[in-house]
Amino acid sequence: MNELTHAIGSPDLCPDELLLARIAARGSTWQAALGQLTRRHRSYLEQRCRRYLRQADEVEDVMQEIDLSVYRYAHQFRGDAGYRTWLTTIADRHCLAHLRKQPSFVLSGDLSELGDLQDTVQVNAQHDTAEDETSRHQVADMVERLPPIHRELLLLRYWLDLSLPEIADLLDIGLSAAKMRLKRALEQYGQLYFNDGLKAA
């Protein structure tokens, strides 16, 4: 029987919050508690991280960063929401930080959802045909030319399919601010589309 089992019973049955409390206390069982939490939520975290990241090595790097954050910030958990909600917030922020470090935030092969952006932009009826012919490459090029703050909003909303409340929470801003940023991003995308996209079509 290991120290964690001796201290709190079967680790498989121990609630997440109690395991996290053991980590926060930095007692003799914190390593076993962290290992149990990691194993318990690994499959969920891998699926979550793959929403953002495409390479297995990137996912693994972020998983390690998440473990480190759980260790570092376990004492900040207040229980207002469940452990998995808290863990999801940590995971999303690490994934977003990882994406921000990449030299190119937009990969044309990953923009199938962004191809529908034209439907969300107010357009004139005479542009419908040209709009339908806009290629993914042109969409990727236009999104890449947006300011980072707008590009980020479009990617979170249309590539990762996050809801506005999820985006607001991830970026640590209010819901109204998230709505306004997305509106401005779409408006600027629309300007690029009409000024350059239609000319190239």
Protein backbone atom coordinates (compact mmCIF):
# COMPACT_ATOMS: atom_id res chain seq x y z
CA MET A 1 0.00 0.00 0.00
CA ASN A 2 1.55 3.32 -1.04
CA GLU A 3 1.47 6.54 1.00
CA LEU A 4 -1.50 8.00 -0.83
CA THR A 5 -3.60 4.87 -0.35
CA HIS A 6 -2.64 4.72 3.30
CA ALA A 7 -3.48 8.39 3.84
CA ILE A 8 -6.78 8.73 2.01
CA GLY A 9 -7.89 5.27 1.00
CA SER A 10 -8.02 4.00 -2.58
CA PRO A 11 -6.73 6.78 -4.90
CA ASP A 12 -9.08 5.53 -7.62
CA LEU A 13 -12.03 6.45 -5.42
CA CYS A 14 -10.60 9.66 -4.03
CA PRO A 15 -12.36 12.84 -5.31
CA ASP A 16 -10.36 15.16 -7.55
CA GLU A 17 -10.68 18.00 -5.07
CA LEU A 18 -9.16 15.96 -2.26
CA LEU A 19 -6.26 14.88 -4.45
CA LEU A 20 -5.71 18.53 -5.37
CA ALA A 21 -5.74 19.49 -1.69
CA ARG A 22 -2.97 16.94 -1.11
CA ILE A 23 -0.93 18.58 -3.85
CA ALA A 24 -1.53 22.03 -2.38
CA ALA A 25 -0.44 20.85 1.06
CA ARG A 26 2.92 19.67 -0.38
CA GLY A 27 2.90 16.76 2.03
CA SER A 28 4.48 13.38 1.47
CA THR A 29 1.65 12.25 -0.83
CA TRP A 30 1.56 15.15 -3.30
CA GLN A 31 3.46 13.32 -6.04
CA ALA A 32 1.17 10.31 -5.90
CA ALA A 33 -1.87 12.59 -5.90
CA LEU A 34 -0.62 14.51 -8.95
CA GLY A 35 0.11 11.26 -10.76
CA GLN A 36 -3.39 10.01 -10.06
CA LEU A 37 -5.00 13.22 -11.33
CA THR A 38 -2.83 13.14 -14.45
CA ARG A 39 -3.80 9.55 -15.26
CA ARG A 40 -7.47 10.17 -14.50
CA HIS A 41 -7.83 13.14 -16.85
CA ARG A 42 -5.20 12.38 -19.48
CA SER A 43 -7.60 11.16 -22.17
CA TYR A 44 -9.86 14.18 -21.73
CA LEU A 45 -6.94 16.63 -21.80
CA GLU A 46 -5.44 15.05 -24.91
CA GLN A 47 -8.75 15.44 -26.75
CA ARG A 48 -9.07 19.01 -25.52
CA CYS A 49 -5.55 19.96 -26.58
CA ARG A 50 -6.04 18.42 -30.02
CA ARG A 51 -8.76 21.02 -30.63
CA TYR A 52 -5.96 23.56 -30.73
CA LEU A 53 -2.83 21.63 -31.67
CA ARG A 54 -2.26 19.28 -34.57
CA GLN A 55 1.07 17.68 -33.69
CA ALA A 56 1.38 14.94 -31.07
CA ASP A 57 4.62 16.37 -29.71
CA GLU A 58 2.95 19.75 -29.22
CA VAL A 59 0.11 18.11 -27.30
CA GLU A 60 2.59 16.26 -25.10
CA ASP A 61 4.53 19.45 -24.36
CA VAL A 62 1.37 21.25 -23.33
CA MET A 63 0.27 18.29 -21.20
CA GLN A 64 3.49 18.62 -19.21
CA GLU A 65 2.91 22.36 -18.82
CA ILE A 66 -0.60 21.64 -17.51
CA ASP A 67 0.78 19.22 -14.90
CA LEU A 68 3.23 21.87 -13.77
CA SER A 69 0.47 24.46 -13.47
CA VAL A 70 -1.69 22.08 -11.43
CA TYR A 71 1.23 21.65 -9.05
CA ARG A 72 2.03 25.37 -8.90
CA TYR A 73 -1.51 26.67 -8.53
CA ALA A 74 -3.27 23.90 -6.62
CA HIS A 75 -3.48 26.23 -3.62
CA GLN A 76 -5.53 28.71 -5.70
CA PHE A 77 -8.37 26.29 -6.36
CA ARG A 78 -11.42 27.58 -4.50
CA GLY A 79 -14.03 25.04 -5.52
CA ASP A 80 -16.43 27.57 -7.07
CA ALA A 81 -16.55 25.21 -10.04
CA GLY A 82 -15.55 21.58 -10.35
CA TYR A 83 -11.94 20.46 -10.74
CA ARG A 84 -12.41 19.57 -14.41
CA THR A 85 -13.72 23.07 -15.18
CA TRP A 86 -10.65 24.55 -13.47
CA LEU A 87 -8.39 22.11 -15.33
CA THR A 88 -10.03 22.93 -18.66
CA THR A 89 -9.33 26.63 -18.17
CA ILE A 90 -5.67 25.87 -17.49
CA ALA A 91 -5.45 23.61 -20.55
CA ASP A 92 -7.10 26.12 -22.87
CA ARG A 93 -4.81 28.95 -21.78
CA HIS A 94 -1.70 26.85 -22.24
CA CYS A 95 -2.84 25.76 -25.70
CA LEU A 96 -3.60 29.32 -26.72
CA ALA A 97 -0.24 30.52 -25.40
CA HIS A 98 1.44 27.76 -27.42
CA LEU A 99 -0.40 28.83 -30.58
CA ARG A 100 0.59 32.45 -30.07
CA LYS A 101 4.26 31.46 -30.11
CA GLN A 102 4.00 29.87 -33.53
CA PRO A 103 5.32 31.97 -36.43
CA SER A 104 2.11 31.53 -38.40
CA PHE A 105 -1.22 31.36 -36.62
CA VAL A 106 -3.09 30.38 -39.78
CA LEU A 107 -2.56 27.20 -41.78
CA SER A 108 -4.63 27.09 -44.94
CA GLY A 109 -5.20 23.35 -44.60
CA ASP A 110 -6.96 23.89 -41.29
CA LEU A 111 -9.38 26.60 -42.37
CA SER A 112 -12.40 24.67 -43.59
CA GLU A 113 -14.64 26.33 -41.00
CA LEU A 114 -13.26 29.78 -41.81
CA GLY A 115 -14.36 29.29 -45.39
CA ASP A 116 -17.89 29.97 -44.15
CA LEU A 117 -16.97 33.36 -42.73
CA GLN A 118 -18.39 35.11 -45.77
CA ASP A 119 -21.86 34.00 -44.70
CA THR A 120 -21.48 35.98 -41.49
CA VAL A 121 -20.33 39.19 -43.18
CA GLN A 122 -22.95 41.57 -44.58
CA VAL A 123 -22.58 41.40 -48.37
CA ASN A 124 -24.41 42.71 -51.40
CA ALA A 125 -26.41 40.32 -53.54
CA GLN A 126 -24.26 40.96 -56.60
CA HIS A 127 -21.26 39.47 -54.80
CA ASP A 128 -22.84 36.08 -54.10
CA THR A 129 -21.23 34.28 -57.02
CA ALA A 130 -17.78 35.68 -56.38
CA GLU A 131 -18.17 34.91 -52.71
CA ASP A 132 -18.83 31.26 -53.43
CA GLU A 133 -15.66 31.07 -55.51
CA THR A 134 -13.32 32.41 -52.81
CA SER A 135 -10.74 29.73 -52.14
CA ARG A 136 -9.40 28.58 -48.81
CA HIS A 137 -6.05 29.99 -49.78
CA GLN A 138 -7.51 33.47 -50.21
CA VAL A 139 -9.39 33.18 -46.92
CA ALA A 140 -6.20 32.12 -45.13
CA ASP A 141 -4.27 34.99 -46.69
CA MET A 142 -6.85 37.56 -45.62
CA VAL A 143 -7.11 36.21 -42.08
CA GLU A 144 -3.32 36.18 -41.79
CA ARG A 145 -3.25 39.89 -42.65
CA LEU A 146 -5.59 40.86 -39.82
CA PRO A 147 -4.16 42.33 -36.61
CA PRO A 148 -3.29 39.55 -34.13
CA ILE A 149 -6.15 40.42 -31.79
CA HIS A 150 -8.71 40.03 -34.60
CA ARG A 151 -7.05 37.00 -36.15
CA GLU A 152 -7.12 35.30 -32.76
CA LEU A 153 -10.87 35.93 -32.33
CA LEU A 154 -11.70 34.46 -35.74
CA LEU A 155 -9.57 31.39 -35.14
CA LEU A 156 -11.06 30.74 -31.73
CA ARG A 157 -14.60 31.18 -33.01
CA TYR A 158 -14.49 29.55 -36.45
CA TRP A 159 -11.50 27.21 -36.39
CA LEU A 160 -11.82 25.91 -32.83
CA ASP A 161 -15.60 26.43 -32.74
CA LEU A 162 -15.52 27.97 -29.28
CA SER A 163 -18.61 29.78 -28.07
CA LEU A 164 -18.44 33.45 -27.14
CA PRO A 165 -18.65 32.66 -23.41
CA GLU A 166 -15.77 30.19 -23.84
CA ILE A 167 -13.73 32.80 -25.70
CA ALA A 168 -14.43 35.43 -23.05
CA ASP A 169 -13.32 33.05 -20.31
CA LEU A 170 -10.23 31.95 -22.22
CA LEU A 171 -9.10 35.51 -22.91
CA ASP A 172 -10.16 36.69 -19.46
CA ILE A 173 -12.43 39.40 -20.84
CA GLY A 174 -16.12 40.18 -20.48
CA LEU A 175 -18.71 38.62 -22.76
CA SER A 176 -19.63 42.02 -24.23
CA ALA A 177 -15.96 42.69 -24.99
CA ALA A 178 -15.68 39.31 -26.73
CA LYS A 179 -18.75 40.11 -28.84
CA MET A 180 -17.38 43.51 -29.79
CA ARG A 181 -13.95 42.11 -30.73
CA LEU A 182 -15.54 39.44 -32.89
CA LYS A 183 -17.77 42.02 -34.57
CA ARG A 184 -14.78 44.22 -35.36
CA ALA A 185 -12.78 41.24 -36.60
CA LEU A 186 -15.58 40.25 -38.98
CA GLU A 187 -15.93 43.82 -40.20
CA GLN A 188 -12.22 44.06 -40.93
CA TYR A 189 -12.25 40.67 -42.63
CA GLY A 190 -15.17 41.87 -44.74
CA GLN A 191 -13.24 44.96 -45.79
CA LEU A 192 -10.29 42.86 -46.89
CA TYR A 193 -12.61 40.48 -48.69
CA PHE A 194 -14.28 43.17 -50.75
CA ASN A 195 -11.12 45.16 -51.39
CA ASP A 196 -8.84 42.27 -52.28
CA GLY A 197 -10.69 38.95 -52.24
CA LEU A 198 -13.23 39.88 -54.89
CA LYS A 199 -10.56 41.37 -57.12
CA ALA A 200 -8.65 38.10 -57.02
CA ALA A 201 -11.72 35.97 -57.61
